[in-house]
Every structure is written in structure tokens, then in C-alpha cells.
Amino acid sequence: MTLSFPNPSRSFDEKRNAVRFLGHDGMFEVRFFVEAGALAIAGAELGRSEASESKLLSAFDALRPSIYNVARKAHSSGRHDPYTLTAADFR
């Protein structure tokens, strides 16, 4: 089965300072986090201002296709849960 993202919801996890989202591999739910630093580097929406929760969620929305591609690549290289996507994953 391939990893899919049928549920577009995402949330900010303050403890991890990351945006949380879910993927599905068949009937299995797979948790992902994208670190705020990765969104700040890749997200033009953030600019040079402080990364607030709403700005991080907006950056996630703007980058959703590339985030999903990076998540698929991470998932294909080995199964574990949760996955944490960092700035290095987007290079």
C-alpha cells in the first residue's frame, strides 16, 4: 500500500514545537511531525517574523504538497511511528 493523506487536518504541538499531521498506509494510521524550524526555512509565509502557531499552520498549508512528498519518502525508507521531519529532510 502507498501512504495517503485523506484527512487534511493538522495541529500545532507546542511541546514538540512542530505541526502534527496523519497519514494512512492501508488501515494503519501513521503520525508525522514537521519541526517549526523546517517550516521556517521552507515557508515564505513566515518571512523573518517570529513563528507563531497560526503562521506555522499557514506555512504547512502552503507547503502541503512538498511536505506530503517528503513524508512519503521518509515512510518508504523504513517504518516507524511517529516520524519527525526536519529541515534536512527538505533539502
PDB file of N, CA and C in Angstrom:
ATOM      1  N   MET A   1       0.838  -1.190   0.000  1.00  0.00           N
ATOM      2  CA  MET A   1       0.000   0.000   0.000  1.00  0.00           C
ATOM      3  C   MET A   1       0.878   1.246   0.000  1.00  0.00           C
ATOM      4  N   THR A   2       0.361   2.279  -0.577  1.00  0.00           N
ATOM      5  CA  THR A   2       1.083   3.545  -0.563  1.00  0.00           C
ATOM      6  C   THR A   2       0.508   4.440   0.523  1.00  0.00           C
ATOM      7  N   LEU A   3       1.329   5.328   0.967  1.00  0.00           N
ATOM      8  CA  LEU A   3       0.934   6.270   2.005  1.00  0.00           C
ATOM      9  C   LEU A   3       0.024   7.336   1.400  1.00  0.00           C
ATOM     10  N   SER A   4      -1.101   7.567   2.050  1.00  0.00           N
ATOM     11  CA  SER A   4      -2.039   8.593   1.578  1.00  0.00           C
ATOM     12  C   SER A   4      -2.382   9.527   2.737  1.00  0.00           C
ATOM     13  N   PHE A   5      -2.961  10.650   2.379  1.00  0.00           N
ATOM     14  CA  PHE A   5      -3.312  11.678   3.363  1.00  0.00           C
ATOM     15  C   PHE A   5      -4.756  12.119   3.146  1.00  0.00           C
ATOM     16  N   PRO A   6      -5.709  11.245   3.474  1.00  0.00           N
ATOM     17  CA  PRO A   6      -7.117  11.551   3.208  1.00  0.00           C
ATOM     18  C   PRO A   6      -7.700  12.607   4.145  1.00  0.00           C
ATOM     19  N   ASN A   7      -7.089  12.809   5.288  1.00  0.00           N
ATOM     20  CA  ASN A   7      -7.586  13.777   6.261  1.00  0.00           C
ATOM     21  C   ASN A   7      -6.661  14.994   6.263  1.00  0.00           C
ATOM     22  N   PRO A   8      -7.134  16.151   5.800  1.00  0.00           N
ATOM     23  CA  PRO A   8      -6.261  17.326   5.702  1.00  0.00           C
ATOM     24  C   PRO A   8      -5.998  18.046   7.029  1.00  0.00           C
ATOM     25  N   SER A   9      -6.552  17.555   8.135  1.00  0.00           N
ATOM     26  CA  SER A   9      -6.351  18.277   9.387  1.00  0.00           C
ATOM     27  C   SER A   9      -4.907  18.195   9.854  1.00  0.00           C
ATOM     28  N   ARG A  10      -4.498  19.224  10.548  1.00  0.00           N
ATOM     29  CA  ARG A  10      -3.179  19.341  11.135  1.00  0.00           C
ATOM     30  C   ARG A  10      -3.322  20.182  12.381  1.00  0.00           C
ATOM     31  N   SER A  11      -2.381  20.069  13.287  1.00  0.00           N
ATOM     32  CA  SER A  11      -2.441  20.848  14.523  1.00  0.00           C
ATOM     33  C   SER A  11      -1.030  21.174  14.972  1.00  0.00           C
ATOM     34  N   PHE A  12      -0.943  22.192  15.800  1.00  0.00           N
ATOM     35  CA  PHE A  12       0.355  22.586  16.324  1.00  0.00           C
ATOM     36  C   PHE A  12       0.575  21.897  17.657  1.00  0.00           C
ATOM     37  N   ASP A  13       1.711  21.250  17.805  1.00  0.00           N
ATOM     38  CA  ASP A  13       2.089  20.588  19.047  1.00  0.00           C
ATOM     39  C   ASP A  13       3.122  21.471  19.732  1.00  0.00           C
ATOM     40  N   GLU A  14       2.674  22.195  20.748  1.00  0.00           N
ATOM     41  CA  GLU A  14       3.536  23.166  21.417  1.00  0.00           C
ATOM     42  C   GLU A  14       4.737  22.494  22.087  1.00  0.00           C
ATOM     43  N   LYS A  15       4.521  21.340  22.678  1.00  0.00           N
ATOM     44  CA  LYS A  15       5.600  20.635  23.368  1.00  0.00           C
ATOM     45  C   LYS A  15       6.730  20.265  22.407  1.00  0.00           C
ATOM     46  N   ARG A  16       6.379  19.811  21.219  1.00  0.00           N
ATOM     47  CA  ARG A  16       7.381  19.434  20.211  1.00  0.00           C
ATOM     48  C   ARG A  16       7.800  20.607  19.327  1.00  0.00           C
ATOM     49  N   ASN A  17       7.062  21.714  19.399  1.00  0.00           N
ATOM     50  CA  ASN A  17       7.276  22.867  18.527  1.00  0.00           C
ATOM     51  C   ASN A  17       7.252  22.402  17.068  1.00  0.00           C
ATOM     52  N   ALA A  18       6.166  21.727  16.727  1.00  0.00           N
ATOM     53  CA  ALA A  18       6.031  21.125  15.407  1.00  0.00           C
ATOM     54  C   ALA A  18       4.555  21.041  15.022  1.00  0.00           C
ATOM     55  N   VAL A  19       4.318  20.915  13.737  1.00  0.00           N
ATOM     56  CA  VAL A  19       2.964  20.695  13.233  1.00  0.00           C
ATOM     57  C   VAL A  19       2.766  19.190  13.074  1.00  0.00           C
ATOM     58  N   ARG A  20       1.665  18.710  13.619  1.00  0.00           N
ATOM     59  CA  ARG A  20       1.336  17.284  13.601  1.00  0.00           C
ATOM     60  C   ARG A  20       0.311  17.033  12.495  1.00  0.00           C
ATOM     61  N   PHE A  21       0.499  15.929  11.752  1.00  0.00           N
ATOM     62  CA  PHE A  21      -0.487  15.515  10.764  1.00  0.00           C
ATOM     63  C   PHE A  21      -0.447  14.000  10.637  1.00  0.00           C
ATOM     64  N   LEU A  22      -1.455  13.447  10.011  1.00  0.00           N
ATOM     65  CA  LEU A  22      -1.586  11.995   9.915  1.00  0.00           C
ATOM     66  C   LEU A  22      -1.586  11.528   8.468  1.00  0.00           C
ATOM     67  N   GLY A  23      -1.021  10.355   8.273  1.00  0.00           N
ATOM     68  CA  GLY A  23      -1.102   9.662   7.000  1.00  0.00           C
ATOM     69  C   GLY A  23      -1.711   8.297   7.239  1.00  0.00           C
ATOM     70  N   HIS A  24      -2.059   7.628   6.166  1.00  0.00           N
ATOM     71  CA  HIS A  24      -2.616   6.279   6.271  1.00  0.00           C
ATOM     72  C   HIS A  24      -1.919   5.362   5.288  1.00  0.00           C
ATOM     73  N   ASP A  25      -1.471   4.240   5.801  1.00  0.00           N
ATOM     74  CA  ASP A  25      -0.872   3.194   4.986  1.00  0.00           C
ATOM     75  C   ASP A  25      -1.805   1.997   5.101  1.00  0.00           C
ATOM     76  N   GLY A  26      -2.708   1.891   4.137  1.00  0.00           N
ATOM     77  CA  GLY A  26      -3.759   0.882   4.249  1.00  0.00           C
ATOM     78  C   GLY A  26      -4.645   1.238   5.421  1.00  0.00           C
ATOM     79  N   MET A  27      -4.796   0.314   6.343  1.00  0.00           N
ATOM     80  CA  MET A  27      -5.647   0.580   7.509  1.00  0.00           C
ATOM     81  C   MET A  27      -4.857   1.135   8.691  1.00  0.00           C
ATOM     82  N   PHE A  28      -3.542   1.331   8.515  1.00  0.00           N
ATOM     83  CA  PHE A  28      -2.703   1.820   9.601  1.00  0.00           C
ATOM     84  C   PHE A  28      -2.544   3.333   9.549  1.00  0.00           C
ATOM     85  N   GLU A  29      -2.733   3.957  10.697  1.00  0.00           N
ATOM     86  CA  GLU A  29      -2.529   5.395  10.833  1.00  0.00           C
ATOM     87  C   GLU A  29      -1.058   5.643  11.134  1.00  0.00           C
ATOM     88  N   VAL A  30      -0.471   6.625  10.463  1.00  0.00           N
ATOM     89  CA  VAL A  30       0.941   6.950  10.635  1.00  0.00           C
ATOM     90  C   VAL A  30       1.037   8.419  11.054  1.00  0.00           C
ATOM     91  N   ARG A  31       1.681   8.663  12.198  1.00  0.00           N
ATOM     92  CA  ARG A  31       1.808  10.032  12.713  1.00  0.00           C
ATOM     93  C   ARG A  31       3.084  10.686  12.195  1.00  0.00           C
ATOM     94  N   PHE A  32       2.957  11.970  11.868  1.00  0.00           N
ATOM     95  CA  PHE A  32       4.090  12.768  11.410  1.00  0.00           C
ATOM     96  C   PHE A  32       4.124  14.095  12.165  1.00  0.00           C
ATOM     97  N   PHE A  33       5.337  14.613  12.317  1.00  0.00           N
ATOM     98  CA  PHE A  33       5.558  15.959  12.841  1.00  0.00           C
ATOM     99  C   PHE A  33       6.512  16.663  11.892  1.00  0.00           C
ATOM    100  N   VAL A  34       6.253  17.931  11.624  1.00  0.00           N
ATOM    101  CA  VAL A  34       7.187  18.772  10.877  1.00  0.00           C
ATOM    102  C   VAL A  34       7.671  19.829  11.848  1.00  0.00           C
ATOM    103  N   GLU A  35       8.976  19.841  12.115  1.00  0.00           N
ATOM    104  CA  GLU A  35       9.534  20.799  13.053  1.00  0.00           C
ATOM    105  C   GLU A  35       9.310  22.232  12.569  1.00  0.00           C
ATOM    106  N   ALA A  36       9.108  23.131  13.514  1.00  0.00           N
ATOM    107  CA  ALA A  36       8.901  24.542  13.192  1.00  0.00           C
ATOM    108  C   ALA A  36      10.078  25.095  12.398  1.00  0.00           C
ATOM    109  N   GLY A  37      11.281  24.666  12.729  1.00  0.00           N
ATOM    110  CA  GLY A  37      12.461  25.131  12.004  1.00  0.00           C
ATOM    111  C   GLY A  37      12.428  24.766  10.540  1.00  0.00           C
ATOM    112  N   ALA A  38      11.909  23.594  10.220  1.00  0.00           N
ATOM    113  CA  ALA A  38      11.798  23.179   8.820  1.00  0.00           C
ATOM    114  C   ALA A  38      10.795  24.050   8.085  1.00  0.00           C
ATOM    115  N   LEU A  39       9.697  24.378   8.742  1.00  0.00           N
ATOM    116  CA  LEU A  39       8.690  25.242   8.116  1.00  0.00           C
ATOM    117  C   LEU A  39       9.216  26.665   7.972  1.00  0.00           C
ATOM    118  N   ALA A  40       9.988  27.117   8.940  1.00  0.00           N
ATOM    119  CA  ALA A  40      10.534  28.478   8.888  1.00  0.00           C
ATOM    120  C   ALA A  40      11.525  28.622   7.736  1.00  0.00           C
ATOM    121  N   ILE A  41      12.315  27.595   7.496  1.00  0.00           N
ATOM    122  CA  ILE A  41      13.290  27.645   6.401  1.00  0.00           C
ATOM    123  C   ILE A  41      12.588  27.580   5.050  1.00  0.00           C
ATOM    124  N   ALA A  42      11.620  26.685   4.933  1.00  0.00           N
ATOM    125  CA  ALA A  42      10.965  26.459   3.652  1.00  0.00           C
ATOM    126  C   ALA A  42       9.789  27.389   3.393  1.00  0.00           C
ATOM    127  N   GLY A  43       9.228  27.963   4.439  1.00  0.00           N
ATOM    128  CA  GLY A  43       7.992  28.713   4.295  1.00  0.00           C
ATOM    129  C   GLY A  43       8.161  30.197   4.076  1.00  0.00           C
ATOM    130  N   ALA A  44       7.858  30.631   2.881  1.00  0.00           N
ATOM    131  CA  ALA A  44       7.915  32.056   2.568  1.00  0.00           C
ATOM    132  C   ALA A  44       6.893  32.827   3.384  1.00  0.00           C
ATOM    133  N   GLU A  45       5.832  32.157   3.822  1.00  0.00           N
ATOM    134  CA  GLU A  45       4.779  32.807   4.603  1.00  0.00           C
ATOM    135  C   GLU A  45       5.320  33.372   5.915  1.00  0.00           C
ATOM    136  N   LEU A  46       6.378  32.763   6.437  1.00  0.00           N
ATOM    137  CA  LEU A  46       6.879  33.166   7.747  1.00  0.00           C
ATOM    138  C   LEU A  46       7.766  34.397   7.665  1.00  0.00           C
ATOM    139  N   GLY A  47       8.468  34.549   6.558  1.00  0.00           N
ATOM    140  CA  GLY A  47       9.375  35.673   6.440  1.00  0.00           C
ATOM    141  C   GLY A  47      10.384  35.681   7.568  1.00  0.00           C
ATOM    142  N   ARG A  48      10.674  36.847   8.085  1.00  0.00           N
ATOM    143  CA  ARG A  48      11.648  36.967   9.172  1.00  0.00           C
ATOM    144  C   ARG A  48      10.970  37.190  10.512  1.00  0.00           C
ATOM    145  N   SER A  49       9.658  37.139  10.550  1.00  0.00           N
ATOM    146  CA  SER A  49       8.934  37.358  11.793  1.00  0.00           C
ATOM    147  C   SER A  49       8.963  36.113  12.667  1.00  0.00           C
ATOM    148  N   GLU A  50       8.587  36.287  13.910  1.00  0.00           N
ATOM    149  CA  GLU A  50       8.536  35.153  14.831  1.00  0.00           C
ATOM    150  C   GLU A  50       7.483  34.153  14.377  1.00  0.00           C
ATOM    151  N   ALA A  51       7.800  32.902  14.517  1.00  0.00           N
ATOM    152  CA  ALA A  51       6.923  31.837  14.038  1.00  0.00           C
ATOM    153  C   ALA A  51       5.830  31.543  15.066  1.00  0.00           C
ATOM    154  N   SER A  52       4.667  32.129  14.874  1.00  0.00           N
ATOM    155  CA  SER A  52       3.526  31.861  15.745  1.00  0.00           C
ATOM    156  C   SER A  52       2.815  30.600  15.262  1.00  0.00           C
ATOM    157  N   GLU A  53       1.938  30.088  16.108  1.00  0.00           N
ATOM    158  CA  GLU A  53       1.182  28.891  15.735  1.00  0.00           C
ATOM    159  C   GLU A  53       0.430  29.098  14.424  1.00  0.00           C
ATOM    160  N   SER A  54      -0.253  30.217  14.288  1.00  0.00           N
ATOM    161  CA  SER A  54      -1.045  30.442  13.075  1.00  0.00           C
ATOM    162  C   SER A  54      -0.150  30.568  11.840  1.00  0.00           C
ATOM    163  N   LYS A  55       1.019  31.174  11.978  1.00  0.00           N
ATOM    164  CA  LYS A  55       1.933  31.292  10.838  1.00  0.00           C
ATOM    165  C   LYS A  55       2.523  29.942  10.456  1.00  0.00           C
ATOM    166  N   LEU A  56       2.804  29.112  11.448  1.00  0.00           N
ATOM    167  CA  LEU A  56       3.322  27.777  11.155  1.00  0.00           C
ATOM    168  C   LEU A  56       2.270  26.922  10.453  1.00  0.00           C
ATOM    169  N   LEU A  57       1.020  27.021  10.892  1.00  0.00           N
ATOM    170  CA  LEU A  57      -0.053  26.265  10.239  1.00  0.00           C
ATOM    171  C   LEU A  57      -0.280  26.763   8.815  1.00  0.00           C
ATOM    172  N   SER A  58      -0.187  28.069   8.610  1.00  0.00           N
ATOM    173  CA  SER A  58      -0.320  28.628   7.259  1.00  0.00           C
ATOM    174  C   SER A  58       0.821  28.170   6.363  1.00  0.00           C
ATOM    175  N   ALA A  59       2.040  28.146   6.920  1.00  0.00           N
ATOM    176  CA  ALA A  59       3.188  27.669   6.150  1.00  0.00           C
ATOM    177  C   ALA A  59       3.006  26.201   5.788  1.00  0.00           C
ATOM    178  N   PHE A  60       2.498  25.408   6.721  1.00  0.00           N
ATOM    179  CA  PHE A  60       2.232  23.997   6.438  1.00  0.00           C
ATOM    180  C   PHE A  60       1.249  23.883   5.277  1.00  0.00           C
ATOM    181  N   ASP A  61       0.170  24.653   5.332  1.00  0.00           N
ATOM    182  CA  ASP A  61      -0.838  24.593   4.265  1.00  0.00           C
ATOM    183  C   ASP A  61      -0.243  24.963   2.910  1.00  0.00           C
ATOM    184  N   ALA A  62       0.607  25.984   2.897  1.00  0.00           N
ATOM    185  CA  ALA A  62       1.213  26.422   1.643  1.00  0.00           C
ATOM    186  C   ALA A  62       2.189  25.381   1.086  1.00  0.00           C
ATOM    187  N   LEU A  63       2.815  24.633   1.979  1.00  0.00           N
ATOM    188  CA  LEU A  63       3.830  23.655   1.592  1.00  0.00           C
ATOM    189  C   LEU A  63       3.315  22.219   1.582  1.00  0.00           C
ATOM    190  N   ARG A  64       2.025  22.048   1.765  1.00  0.00           N
ATOM    191  CA  ARG A  64       1.442  20.714   1.937  1.00  0.00           C
ATOM    192  C   ARG A  64       1.899  19.697   0.875  1.00  0.00           C
ATOM    193  N   PRO A  65       1.874  20.012  -0.422  1.00  0.00           N
ATOM    194  CA  PRO A  65       2.305  19.001  -1.407  1.00  0.00           C
ATOM    195  C   PRO A  65       3.751  18.533  -1.195  1.00  0.00           C
ATOM    196  N   SER A  66       4.664  19.462  -0.929  1.00  0.00           N
ATOM    197  CA  SER A  66       6.058  19.045  -0.724  1.00  0.00           C
ATOM    198  C   SER A  66       6.233  18.334   0.608  1.00  0.00           C
ATOM    199  N   ILE A  67       5.481  18.724   1.632  1.00  0.00           N
ATOM    200  CA  ILE A  67       5.541  18.028   2.919  1.00  0.00           C
ATOM    201  C   ILE A  67       5.074  16.591   2.747  1.00  0.00           C
ATOM    202  N   TYR A  68       3.995  16.386   2.023  1.00  0.00           N
ATOM    203  CA  TYR A  68       3.496  15.033   1.788  1.00  0.00           C
ATOM    204  C   TYR A  68       4.524  14.200   1.018  1.00  0.00           C
ATOM    205  N   ASN A  69       5.192  14.791   0.041  1.00  0.00           N
ATOM    206  CA  ASN A  69       6.220  14.069  -0.708  1.00  0.00           C
ATOM    207  C   ASN A  69       7.377  13.651   0.188  1.00  0.00           C
ATOM    208  N   VAL A  70       7.808  14.559   1.060  1.00  0.00           N
ATOM    209  CA  VAL A  70       8.889  14.243   1.996  1.00  0.00           C
ATOM    210  C   VAL A  70       8.433  13.165   2.976  1.00  0.00           C
ATOM    211  N   ALA A  71       7.189  13.243   3.428  1.00  0.00           N
ATOM    212  CA  ALA A  71       6.650  12.230   4.342  1.00  0.00           C
ATOM    213  C   ALA A  71       6.606  10.861   3.670  1.00  0.00           C
ATOM    214  N   ARG A  72       6.195  10.811   2.407  1.00  0.00           N
ATOM    215  CA  ARG A  72       6.174   9.534   1.676  1.00  0.00           C
ATOM    216  C   ARG A  72       7.581   8.946   1.561  1.00  0.00           C
ATOM    217  N   LYS A  73       8.545   9.808   1.264  1.00  0.00           N
ATOM    218  CA  LYS A  73       9.930   9.356   1.137  1.00  0.00           C
ATOM    219  C   LYS A  73      10.437   8.811   2.481  1.00  0.00           C
ATOM    220  N   ALA A  74      10.167   9.517   3.564  1.00  0.00           N
ATOM    221  CA  ALA A  74      10.598   9.059   4.890  1.00  0.00           C
ATOM    222  C   ALA A  74       9.947   7.727   5.238  1.00  0.00           C
ATOM    223  N   HIS A  75       8.675   7.604   4.932  1.00  0.00           N
ATOM    224  CA  HIS A  75       7.943   6.387   5.257  1.00  0.00           C
ATOM    225  C   HIS A  75       8.430   5.200   4.432  1.00  0.00           C
ATOM    226  N   SER A  76       8.812   5.448   3.195  1.00  0.00           N
ATOM    227  CA  SER A  76       9.257   4.360   2.327  1.00  0.00           C
ATOM    228  C   SER A  76      10.627   3.818   2.727  1.00  0.00           C
ATOM    229  N   SER A  77      11.402   4.612   3.483  1.00  0.00           N
ATOM    230  CA  SER A  77      12.739   4.160   3.855  1.00  0.00           C
ATOM    231  C   SER A  77      12.752   3.327   5.133  1.00  0.00           C
ATOM    232  N   GLY A  78      11.609   3.126   5.729  1.00  0.00           N
ATOM    233  CA  GLY A  78      11.531   2.298   6.929  1.00  0.00           C
ATOM    234  C   GLY A  78      10.369   2.736   7.786  1.00  0.00           C
ATOM    235  N   ARG A  79       9.704   1.781   8.358  1.00  0.00           N
ATOM    236  CA  ARG A  79       8.507   2.096   9.140  1.00  0.00           C
ATOM    237  C   ARG A  79       8.846   2.352  10.596  1.00  0.00           C
ATOM    238  N   HIS A  80       8.419   3.482  11.058  1.00  0.00           N
ATOM    239  CA  HIS A  80       8.414   3.786  12.477  1.00  0.00           C
ATOM    240  C   HIS A  80       7.369   4.862  12.722  1.00  0.00           C
ATOM    241  N   ASP A  81       7.017   5.043  13.949  1.00  0.00           N
ATOM    242  CA  ASP A  81       5.931   5.963  14.278  1.00  0.00           C
ATOM    243  C   ASP A  81       6.237   6.584  15.630  1.00  0.00           C
ATOM    244  N   PRO A  82       6.257   7.862  15.754  1.00  0.00           N
ATOM    245  CA  PRO A  82       5.999   8.863  14.709  1.00  0.00           C
ATOM    246  C   PRO A  82       7.267   9.211  13.926  1.00  0.00           C
ATOM    247  N   TYR A  83       7.049   9.852  12.805  1.00  0.00           N
ATOM    248  CA  TYR A  83       8.138  10.402  12.011  1.00  0.00           C
ATOM    249  C   TYR A  83       8.248  11.875  12.350  1.00  0.00           C
ATOM    250  N   THR A  84       9.468  12.367  12.485  1.00  0.00           N
ATOM    251  CA  THR A  84       9.684  13.799  12.667  1.00  0.00           C
ATOM    252  C   THR A  84      10.484  14.298  11.468  1.00  0.00           C
ATOM    253  N   LEU A  85       9.879  15.186  10.705  1.00  0.00           N
ATOM    254  CA  LEU A  85      10.520  15.758   9.518  1.00  0.00           C
ATOM    255  C   LEU A  85      11.260  17.020   9.927  1.00  0.00           C
ATOM    256  N   THR A  86      12.538  17.100   9.568  1.00  0.00           N
ATOM    257  CA  THR A  86      13.370  18.239   9.923  1.00  0.00           C
ATOM    258  C   THR A  86      13.752  19.017   8.671  1.00  0.00           C
ATOM    259  N   ALA A  87      14.435  20.134   8.853  1.00  0.00           N
ATOM    260  CA  ALA A  87      14.873  20.940   7.709  1.00  0.00           C
ATOM    261  C   ALA A  87      15.747  20.126   6.762  1.00  0.00           C
ATOM    262  N   ALA A  88      16.551  19.222   7.291  1.00  0.00           N
ATOM    263  CA  ALA A  88      17.429  18.395   6.458  1.00  0.00           C
ATOM    264  C   ALA A  88      16.631  17.503   5.502  1.00  0.00           C
ATOM    265  N   ASP A  89      15.441  17.122   5.872  1.00  0.00           N
ATOM    266  CA  ASP A  89      14.599  16.279   5.016  1.00  0.00           C
ATOM    267  C   ASP A  89      14.110  17.025   3.776  1.00  0.00           C
ATOM    268  N   PHE A  90      14.108  18.341   3.816  1.00  0.00           N
ATOM    269  CA  PHE A  90      13.570  19.147   2.710  1.00  0.00           C
ATOM    270  C   PHE A  90      14.659  19.638   1.756  1.00  0.00           C
ATOM    271  N   ARG A  91      15.878  19.235   1.982  1.00  0.00           N
ATOM    272  CA  ARG A  91      16.977  19.677   1.103  1.00  0.00           C
ATOM    273  C   ARG A  91      17.213  18.711  -0.004  1.00  0.00           C
TER     274      ARG A  91
END
